[in-house]
Amino acid sequence: MLLKSKVAVITGAATGIGQGVAQLFAQEGAAVLMLDRNDAQNQASAAAIESAGGRALAIALDVRDRSAIDAAIERGQKEFGAADILINNAGIFPRQRFVGMKPEQWDEMQDVNVKSIFHMTQAVLPQMIARKTGKIVNIASVTFHLGTANMAHYVASKGGVIGLTRALSRELAEYNIFVNCVTPGAIQTESEKHFVSPADEQDFLTRQSIKRRLGPLDVARVCLFLSCELSDGMTGQSLNVDGGWYMH
């Protein structure tokens, strides 16, 4: 029970990596505040956690809506207590060639993938600063290191996440708040069937050192490490969970 009596706020919690993090954290003793715009799936995911004996509260919101975020954080504090952990996982990843990319496509990507972390972190920080403790984990992407084509707006947004992680780790250290980042590789989720072909899957395995598809639990376990006392000697770091694709 590495997170016994802790309160974790998780964005993009309804499916994929976020759902995997919520499930694992609940198993490890945390009460999880699950934020996602997919209300039906988010409620179902929270119900599954509660049926297994965990504590979960699902709230539907858009991570671009600061007033909705503030209200959700306030509700979470009333239900569970002050937040100990924040997992900034919500994101979008549509493919689009840079030539022909519209300004609104660029703006949407930055608003969802980067500005949402600004909103979420500012909303949660007062609770952490008041108690001089906290763990923040931001989910970026290995594509930042790889410079993946046809996703310039996405890669740029994830570079922003890494930069923000590093800056905040220095600024918040005086409050005993740790800020780290996970950069997942090709993670097998339910949604990938809409854009990943069998040929793509084979390409992933060819590039990885570990010859199996990675799943949400692989990322969730690293998030768990970064959210508990086992990582108390680390801040400002980016950890790849990519099966040994990119090494640095």
C-alpha atoms as a PDB file:
ATOM      1  CA  MET A   1       0.000   0.000   0.000  1.00  0.00           C
ATOM      2  CA  LEU A   2       2.467   2.610  -1.220  1.00  0.00           C
ATOM      3  CA  LEU A   3      -0.224   5.317  -1.354  1.00  0.00           C
ATOM      4  CA  LYS A   4      -2.205   4.500   1.766  1.00  0.00           C
ATOM      5  CA  SER A   5      -4.396   7.462   2.814  1.00  0.00           C
ATOM      6  CA  LYS A   6      -3.140   9.597  -0.110  1.00  0.00           C
ATOM      7  CA  VAL A   7      -5.402  11.606  -2.425  1.00  0.00           C
ATOM      8  CA  ALA A   8      -4.569  11.554  -6.135  1.00  0.00           C
ATOM      9  CA  VAL A   9      -6.010  13.784  -8.858  1.00  0.00           C
ATOM     10  CA  ILE A  10      -5.807  12.221 -12.327  1.00  0.00           C
ATOM     11  CA  THR A  11      -6.789  13.839 -15.620  1.00  0.00           C
ATOM     12  CA  GLY A  12      -7.808  11.834 -18.658  1.00  0.00           C
ATOM     13  CA  ALA A  13      -8.770   9.093 -16.211  1.00  0.00           C
ATOM     14  CA  ALA A  14     -11.601   7.413 -18.110  1.00  0.00           C
ATOM     15  CA  THR A  15      -9.530   5.260 -20.458  1.00  0.00           C
ATOM     16  CA  GLY A  16      -6.011   4.244 -21.431  1.00  0.00           C
ATOM     17  CA  ILE A  17      -3.067   5.380 -19.331  1.00  0.00           C
ATOM     18  CA  GLY A  18      -5.185   7.520 -17.020  1.00  0.00           C
ATOM     19  CA  GLN A  19      -7.539   4.661 -16.270  1.00  0.00           C
ATOM     20  CA  GLY A  20      -4.585   2.371 -15.604  1.00  0.00           C
ATOM     21  CA  VAL A  21      -3.082   4.906 -13.195  1.00  0.00           C
ATOM     22  CA  ALA A  22      -6.387   5.345 -11.350  1.00  0.00           C
ATOM     23  CA  GLN A  23      -6.841   1.591 -10.938  1.00  0.00           C
ATOM     24  CA  LEU A  24      -3.297   0.984  -9.689  1.00  0.00           C
ATOM     25  CA  PHE A  25      -3.317   3.967  -7.339  1.00  0.00           C
ATOM     26  CA  ALA A  26      -6.620   2.841  -5.817  1.00  0.00           C
ATOM     27  CA  GLN A  27      -5.176  -0.634  -5.310  1.00  0.00           C
ATOM     28  CA  GLU A  28      -2.242   0.983  -3.511  1.00  0.00           C
ATOM     29  CA  GLY A  29      -4.542   2.782  -1.079  1.00  0.00           C
ATOM     30  CA  ALA A  30      -5.169   6.182  -2.666  1.00  0.00           C
ATOM     31  CA  ALA A  31      -8.505   7.910  -3.051  1.00  0.00           C
ATOM     32  CA  VAL A  32      -8.640   8.925  -6.714  1.00  0.00           C
ATOM     33  CA  LEU A  33     -10.330  12.001  -8.150  1.00  0.00           C
ATOM     34  CA  MET A  34     -10.892  11.062 -11.796  1.00  0.00           C
ATOM     35  CA  LEU A  35     -11.321  13.922 -14.275  1.00  0.00           C
ATOM     36  CA  ASP A  36     -12.298  13.332 -17.903  1.00  0.00           C
ATOM     37  CA  ARG A  37     -14.635  14.803 -20.497  1.00  0.00           C
ATOM     38  CA  ASN A  38     -16.019  11.320 -21.310  1.00  0.00           C
ATOM     39  CA  ASP A  39     -18.508  11.215 -18.458  1.00  0.00           C
ATOM     40  CA  ALA A  40     -20.050   7.796 -19.143  1.00  0.00           C
ATOM     41  CA  GLN A  41     -16.729   5.969 -19.391  1.00  0.00           C
ATOM     42  CA  ASN A  42     -15.271   7.900 -16.479  1.00  0.00           C
ATOM     43  CA  GLN A  43     -18.200   6.972 -14.252  1.00  0.00           C
ATOM     44  CA  ALA A  44     -17.869   3.335 -15.308  1.00  0.00           C
ATOM     45  CA  SER A  45     -14.151   3.327 -14.530  1.00  0.00           C
ATOM     46  CA  ALA A  46     -14.763   4.863 -11.094  1.00  0.00           C
ATOM     47  CA  ALA A  47     -17.537   2.373 -10.376  1.00  0.00           C
ATOM     48  CA  ALA A  48     -15.194  -0.513 -11.191  1.00  0.00           C
ATOM     49  CA  ILE A  49     -12.650   0.840  -8.704  1.00  0.00           C
ATOM     50  CA  GLU A  50     -15.260   1.204  -5.985  1.00  0.00           C
ATOM     51  CA  SER A  51     -16.668  -2.282  -6.623  1.00  0.00           C
ATOM     52  CA  ALA A  52     -13.152  -3.608  -6.025  1.00  0.00           C
ATOM     53  CA  GLY A  53     -13.008  -1.850  -2.664  1.00  0.00           C
ATOM     54  CA  GLY A  54     -11.281   1.364  -3.694  1.00  0.00           C
ATOM     55  CA  ARG A  55     -12.304   4.994  -3.350  1.00  0.00           C
ATOM     56  CA  ALA A  56     -13.010   6.973  -6.508  1.00  0.00           C
ATOM     57  CA  LEU A  57     -14.903  10.075  -7.578  1.00  0.00           C
ATOM     58  CA  ALA A  58     -15.492  10.755 -11.281  1.00  0.00           C
ATOM     59  CA  ILE A  59     -16.140  14.306 -12.477  1.00  0.00           C
ATOM     60  CA  ALA A  60     -16.770  15.264 -16.090  1.00  0.00           C
ATOM     61  CA  LEU A  61     -14.916  18.328 -17.309  1.00  0.00           C
ATOM     62  CA  ASP A  62     -12.838  19.807 -20.106  1.00  0.00           C
ATOM     63  CA  VAL A  63      -9.266  20.425 -18.925  1.00  0.00           C
ATOM     64  CA  ARG A  64      -9.344  23.769 -20.762  1.00  0.00           C
ATOM     65  CA  ASP A  65     -12.111  25.031 -18.432  1.00  0.00           C
ATOM     66  CA  ARG A  66     -10.450  26.628 -15.403  1.00  0.00           C
ATOM     67  CA  SER A  67     -13.670  27.301 -13.520  1.00  0.00           C
ATOM     68  CA  ALA A  68     -14.724  23.654 -13.876  1.00  0.00           C
ATOM     69  CA  ILE A  69     -11.277  22.532 -12.705  1.00  0.00           C
ATOM     70  CA  ASP A  70     -11.406  24.766  -9.632  1.00  0.00           C
ATOM     71  CA  ALA A  71     -14.855  23.441  -8.751  1.00  0.00           C
ATOM     72  CA  ALA A  72     -13.707  19.825  -9.172  1.00  0.00           C
ATOM     73  CA  ILE A  73     -10.628  20.320  -6.978  1.00  0.00           C
ATOM     74  CA  GLU A  74     -12.777  21.943  -4.298  1.00  0.00           C
ATOM     75  CA  ARG A  75     -15.244  19.049  -4.437  1.00  0.00           C
ATOM     76  CA  GLY A  76     -12.426  16.526  -4.258  1.00  0.00           C
ATOM     77  CA  GLN A  77     -11.043  18.212  -1.156  1.00  0.00           C
ATOM     78  CA  LYS A  78     -14.447  18.058   0.521  1.00  0.00           C
ATOM     79  CA  GLU A  79     -14.888  14.377  -0.383  1.00  0.00           C
ATOM     80  CA  PHE A  80     -11.379  13.044   0.229  1.00  0.00           C
ATOM     81  CA  GLY A  81      -9.208  15.780   1.713  1.00  0.00           C
ATOM     82  CA  ALA A  82      -6.325  17.789   0.271  1.00  0.00           C
ATOM     83  CA  ALA A  83      -4.558  16.489  -2.820  1.00  0.00           C
ATOM     84  CA  ASP A  84      -1.215  14.761  -2.304  1.00  0.00           C
ATOM     85  CA  ILE A  85      -0.637  13.733  -5.923  1.00  0.00           C
ATOM     86  CA  LEU A  86      -1.453  15.229  -9.329  1.00  0.00           C
ATOM     87  CA  ILE A  87      -1.150  13.187 -12.523  1.00  0.00           C
ATOM     88  CA  ASN A  88      -1.427  15.461 -15.573  1.00  0.00           C
ATOM     89  CA  ASN A  89      -2.291  12.857 -18.179  1.00  0.00           C
ATOM     90  CA  ALA A  90      -5.073  14.350 -20.346  1.00  0.00           C
ATOM     91  CA  GLY A  91      -4.049  14.909 -23.937  1.00  0.00           C
ATOM     92  CA  ILE A  92      -4.944  14.612 -27.606  1.00  0.00           C
ATOM     93  CA  PHE A  93      -2.777  13.329 -30.445  1.00  0.00           C
ATOM     94  CA  PRO A  94      -4.319  13.804 -33.908  1.00  0.00           C
ATOM     95  CA  ARG A  95      -1.918  13.382 -36.788  1.00  0.00           C
ATOM     96  CA  GLN A  96      -1.542  16.268 -39.208  1.00  0.00           C
ATOM     97  CA  ARG A  97       1.172  17.309 -41.647  1.00  0.00           C
ATOM     98  CA  PHE A  98       2.689  20.665 -40.745  1.00  0.00           C
ATOM     99  CA  VAL A  99       2.135  21.921 -44.266  1.00  0.00           C
ATOM    100  CA  GLY A 100      -1.575  22.630 -44.273  1.00  0.00           C
ATOM    101  CA  MET A 101      -1.936  22.690 -40.500  1.00  0.00           C
ATOM    102  CA  LYS A 102      -4.475  25.305 -39.428  1.00  0.00           C
ATOM    103  CA  PRO A 103      -3.791  27.741 -36.592  1.00  0.00           C
ATOM    104  CA  GLU A 104      -6.795  26.438 -34.678  1.00  0.00           C
ATOM    105  CA  GLN A 105      -5.384  22.896 -34.840  1.00  0.00           C
ATOM    106  CA  TRP A 106      -2.115  24.146 -33.368  1.00  0.00           C
ATOM    107  CA  ASP A 107      -3.911  26.124 -30.664  1.00  0.00           C
ATOM    108  CA  GLU A 108      -6.161  23.250 -29.635  1.00  0.00           C
ATOM    109  CA  MET A 109      -3.159  20.973 -29.196  1.00  0.00           C
ATOM    110  CA  GLN A 110      -1.311  23.433 -26.994  1.00  0.00           C
ATOM    111  CA  ASP A 111      -4.429  24.245 -24.960  1.00  0.00           C
ATOM    112  CA  VAL A 112      -5.238  20.603 -24.197  1.00  0.00           C
ATOM    113  CA  ASN A 113      -1.719  19.215 -23.825  1.00  0.00           C
ATOM    114  CA  VAL A 114       0.158  22.078 -22.171  1.00  0.00           C
ATOM    115  CA  LYS A 115      -2.143  24.808 -20.922  1.00  0.00           C
ATOM    116  CA  SER A 116      -4.265  22.240 -19.105  1.00  0.00           C
ATOM    117  CA  ILE A 117      -1.212  21.447 -16.966  1.00  0.00           C
ATOM    118  CA  PHE A 118      -0.936  25.149 -16.144  1.00  0.00           C
ATOM    119  CA  HIS A 119      -4.589  25.156 -15.044  1.00  0.00           C
ATOM    120  CA  MET A 120      -4.482  21.882 -13.114  1.00  0.00           C
ATOM    121  CA  THR A 121      -1.222  22.611 -11.320  1.00  0.00           C
ATOM    122  CA  GLN A 122      -2.271  26.092 -10.270  1.00  0.00           C
ATOM    123  CA  ALA A 123      -5.576  24.701  -8.993  1.00  0.00           C
ATOM    124  CA  VAL A 124      -3.936  21.993  -6.851  1.00  0.00           C
ATOM    125  CA  LEU A 125      -0.824  23.826  -5.649  1.00  0.00           C
ATOM    126  CA  PRO A 126      -2.414  25.812  -2.789  1.00  0.00           C
ATOM    127  CA  GLN A 127      -3.314  22.531  -1.064  1.00  0.00           C
ATOM    128  CA  MET A 128       0.211  21.181  -1.502  1.00  0.00           C
ATOM    129  CA  ILE A 129       1.996  24.386  -0.545  1.00  0.00           C
ATOM    130  CA  ALA A 130      -0.077  24.749   2.614  1.00  0.00           C
ATOM    131  CA  ARG A 131       1.125  21.325   3.807  1.00  0.00           C
ATOM    132  CA  LYS A 132       4.595  21.540   2.199  1.00  0.00           C
ATOM    133  CA  THR A 133       4.258  18.231   0.432  1.00  0.00           C
ATOM    134  CA  GLY A 134       3.223  16.962  -2.977  1.00  0.00           C
ATOM    135  CA  LYS A 135       4.017  14.846  -6.002  1.00  0.00           C
ATOM    136  CA  ILE A 136       3.251  16.018  -9.531  1.00  0.00           C
ATOM    137  CA  VAL A 137       3.726  13.717 -12.518  1.00  0.00           C
ATOM    138  CA  ASN A 138       3.273  15.056 -16.045  1.00  0.00           C
ATOM    139  CA  ILE A 139       2.755  12.726 -18.997  1.00  0.00           C
ATOM    140  CA  ALA A 140       4.718  13.797 -22.076  1.00  0.00           C
ATOM    141  CA  SER A 141       5.810  11.515 -24.934  1.00  0.00           C
ATOM    142  CA  VAL A 142       8.893   9.848 -26.350  1.00  0.00           C
ATOM    143  CA  THR A 143       8.015  11.573 -29.629  1.00  0.00           C
ATOM    144  CA  PHE A 144       9.691  14.676 -28.214  1.00  0.00           C
ATOM    145  CA  HIS A 145      13.001  12.819 -28.207  1.00  0.00           C
ATOM    146  CA  LEU A 146      12.350  11.164 -31.565  1.00  0.00           C
ATOM    147  CA  GLY A 147      11.069  14.223 -33.447  1.00  0.00           C
ATOM    148  CA  THR A 148       8.224  12.231 -35.000  1.00  0.00           C
ATOM    149  CA  ALA A 149       6.954  13.466 -38.374  1.00  0.00           C
ATOM    150  CA  ASN A 150       3.365  14.494 -39.117  1.00  0.00           C
ATOM    151  CA  MET A 151       2.831  15.439 -35.472  1.00  0.00           C
ATOM    152  CA  ALA A 152       4.719  18.718 -35.133  1.00  0.00           C
ATOM    153  CA  HIS A 153       2.018  20.325 -32.988  1.00  0.00           C
ATOM    154  CA  TYR A 154       1.911  17.272 -30.711  1.00  0.00           C
ATOM    155  CA  VAL A 155       5.684  16.930 -30.403  1.00  0.00           C
ATOM    156  CA  ALA A 156       5.998  20.649 -29.653  1.00  0.00           C
ATOM    157  CA  SER A 157       3.320  20.402 -26.967  1.00  0.00           C
ATOM    158  CA  LYS A 158       5.091  17.486 -25.281  1.00  0.00           C
ATOM    159  CA  GLY A 159       8.356  19.405 -25.368  1.00  0.00           C
ATOM    160  CA  GLY A 160       6.514  22.141 -23.530  1.00  0.00           C
ATOM    161  CA  VAL A 161       5.407  19.629 -20.904  1.00  0.00           C
ATOM    162  CA  ILE A 162       9.010  18.565 -20.307  1.00  0.00           C
ATOM    163  CA  GLY A 163      10.186  22.169 -20.084  1.00  0.00           C
ATOM    164  CA  LEU A 164       7.430  23.060 -17.640  1.00  0.00           C
ATOM    165  CA  THR A 165       8.302  20.008 -15.543  1.00  0.00           C
ATOM    166  CA  ARG A 166      11.916  21.116 -15.227  1.00  0.00           C
ATOM    167  CA  ALA A 167      11.103  24.731 -14.377  1.00  0.00           C
ATOM    168  CA  LEU A 168       8.475  23.826 -11.781  1.00  0.00           C
ATOM    169  CA  SER A 169      10.749  21.271 -10.146  1.00  0.00           C
ATOM    170  CA  ARG A 170      13.136  24.094  -9.249  1.00  0.00           C
ATOM    171  CA  GLU A 171      10.457  26.599  -8.301  1.00  0.00           C
ATOM    172  CA  LEU A 172       8.457  24.246  -6.071  1.00  0.00           C
ATOM    173  CA  ALA A 173      11.308  22.415  -4.336  1.00  0.00           C
ATOM    174  CA  GLU A 174      11.225  24.841  -1.404  1.00  0.00           C
ATOM    175  CA  TYR A 175       7.750  23.518  -0.602  1.00  0.00           C
ATOM    176  CA  ASN A 176       8.873  19.869  -0.734  1.00  0.00           C
ATOM    177  CA  ILE A 177       6.872  19.373  -3.945  1.00  0.00           C
ATOM    178  CA  PHE A 178       8.407  16.970  -6.461  1.00  0.00           C
ATOM    179  CA  VAL A 179       7.697  17.428 -10.180  1.00  0.00           C
ATOM    180  CA  ASN A 180       8.643  14.718 -12.651  1.00  0.00           C
ATOM    181  CA  CYS A 181       7.658  13.527 -16.090  1.00  0.00           C
ATOM    182  CA  VAL A 182       6.976  10.244 -17.872  1.00  0.00           C
ATOM    183  CA  THR A 183       7.527   9.924 -21.618  1.00  0.00           C
ATOM    184  CA  PRO A 184       5.573   6.885 -22.852  1.00  0.00           C
ATOM    185  CA  GLY A 185       6.352   5.197 -26.126  1.00  0.00           C
ATOM    186  CA  ALA A 186       3.853   3.150 -28.146  1.00  0.00           C
ATOM    187  CA  ILE A 187       1.284   2.162 -25.530  1.00  0.00           C
ATOM    188  CA  GLN A 188      -1.419  -0.317 -26.511  1.00  0.00           C
ATOM    189  CA  THR A 189      -4.784   1.197 -25.624  1.00  0.00           C
ATOM    190  CA  GLU A 190      -8.350   0.710 -26.795  1.00  0.00           C
ATOM    191  CA  SER A 191      -8.294   3.974 -28.755  1.00  0.00           C
ATOM    192  CA  GLU A 192      -5.236   3.096 -30.850  1.00  0.00           C
ATOM    193  CA  LYS A 193      -7.312   0.857 -33.126  1.00  0.00           C
ATOM    194  CA  HIS A 194      -8.513   4.073 -34.774  1.00  0.00           C
ATOM    195  CA  PHE A 195      -5.050   5.061 -36.000  1.00  0.00           C
ATOM    196  CA  VAL A 196      -2.596   2.147 -35.566  1.00  0.00           C
ATOM    197  CA  SER A 197      -2.373  -0.514 -38.268  1.00  0.00           C
ATOM    198  CA  PRO A 198      -0.898  -4.030 -37.927  1.00  0.00           C
ATOM    199  CA  ALA A 199       2.116  -2.745 -39.871  1.00  0.00           C
ATOM    200  CA  ASP A 200       2.513   0.069 -37.346  1.00  0.00           C
ATOM    201  CA  GLU A 201       2.443  -2.423 -34.485  1.00  0.00           C
ATOM    202  CA  GLN A 202       5.166  -4.487 -36.098  1.00  0.00           C
ATOM    203  CA  ASP A 203       7.224  -1.345 -36.603  1.00  0.00           C
ATOM    204  CA  PHE A 204       6.888  -0.493 -32.904  1.00  0.00           C
ATOM    205  CA  LEU A 205       8.202  -3.917 -31.922  1.00  0.00           C
ATOM    206  CA  THR A 206      11.074  -3.670 -34.390  1.00  0.00           C
ATOM    207  CA  ARG A 207      12.201  -0.381 -32.838  1.00  0.00           C
ATOM    208  CA  GLN A 208      11.755  -1.463 -29.206  1.00  0.00           C
ATOM    209  CA  SER A 209      14.370  -3.502 -27.360  1.00  0.00           C
ATOM    210  CA  ILE A 210      11.618  -5.293 -25.401  1.00  0.00           C
ATOM    211  CA  LYS A 211       9.649  -7.313 -27.932  1.00  0.00           C
ATOM    212  CA  ARG A 212       6.143  -6.957 -26.565  1.00  0.00           C
ATOM    213  CA  ARG A 213       3.517  -4.254 -26.721  1.00  0.00           C
ATOM    214  CA  LEU A 214       3.477  -2.033 -23.675  1.00  0.00           C
ATOM    215  CA  GLY A 215       0.200  -1.290 -21.907  1.00  0.00           C
ATOM    216  CA  PRO A 216      -1.194   1.327 -19.521  1.00  0.00           C
ATOM    217  CA  LEU A 217      -0.019  -0.657 -16.495  1.00  0.00           C
ATOM    218  CA  ASP A 218       3.611  -0.255 -17.607  1.00  0.00           C
ATOM    219  CA  VAL A 219       3.200   3.518 -17.444  1.00  0.00           C
ATOM    220  CA  ALA A 220       1.068   3.423 -14.297  1.00  0.00           C
ATOM    221  CA  ARG A 221       3.779   1.582 -12.377  1.00  0.00           C
ATOM    222  CA  VAL A 222       6.310   4.306 -13.152  1.00  0.00           C
ATOM    223  CA  CYS A 223       3.762   6.948 -12.155  1.00  0.00           C
ATOM    224  CA  LEU A 224       3.333   5.053  -8.885  1.00  0.00           C
ATOM    225  CA  PHE A 225       7.078   5.146  -8.270  1.00  0.00           C
ATOM    226  CA  LEU A 226       7.173   8.893  -8.930  1.00  0.00           C
ATOM    227  CA  SER A 227       4.160   9.466  -6.661  1.00  0.00           C
ATOM    228  CA  CYS A 228       5.404   7.674  -3.553  1.00  0.00           C
ATOM    229  CA  GLU A 229       8.346   8.033  -1.175  1.00  0.00           C
ATOM    230  CA  LEU A 230      10.509   5.675  -3.256  1.00  0.00           C
ATOM    231  CA  SER A 231      11.309   8.596  -5.579  1.00  0.00           C
ATOM    232  CA  ASP A 232      11.992  11.207  -2.899  1.00  0.00           C
ATOM    233  CA  GLY A 233      15.494  11.754  -4.301  1.00  0.00           C
ATOM    234  CA  MET A 234      14.217  12.748  -7.746  1.00  0.00           C
ATOM    235  CA  THR A 235      12.709  15.886  -9.235  1.00  0.00           C
ATOM    236  CA  GLY A 236      12.770  17.500 -12.665  1.00  0.00           C
ATOM    237  CA  GLN A 237      13.365  14.146 -14.360  1.00  0.00           C
ATOM    238  CA  SER A 238      11.847  12.536 -17.455  1.00  0.00           C
ATOM    239  CA  LEU A 239      11.558   8.743 -17.454  1.00  0.00           C
ATOM    240  CA  ASN A 240      11.044   6.859 -20.721  1.00  0.00           C
ATOM    241  CA  VAL A 241       8.553   3.992 -20.702  1.00  0.00           C
ATOM    242  CA  ASP A 242       9.062   2.900 -24.283  1.00  0.00           C
ATOM    243  CA  GLY A 243      10.426  -0.643 -24.184  1.00  0.00           C
ATOM    244  CA  GLY A 244      13.955   0.581 -24.878  1.00  0.00           C
ATOM    245  CA  TRP A 245      13.137   2.511 -28.052  1.00  0.00           C
ATOM    246  CA  TYR A 246      14.958   5.780 -27.296  1.00  0.00           C
ATOM    247  CA  MET A 247      17.841   5.825 -24.834  1.00  0.00           C
ATOM    248  CA  HIS A 248      19.541   8.836 -23.261  1.00  0.00           C
END
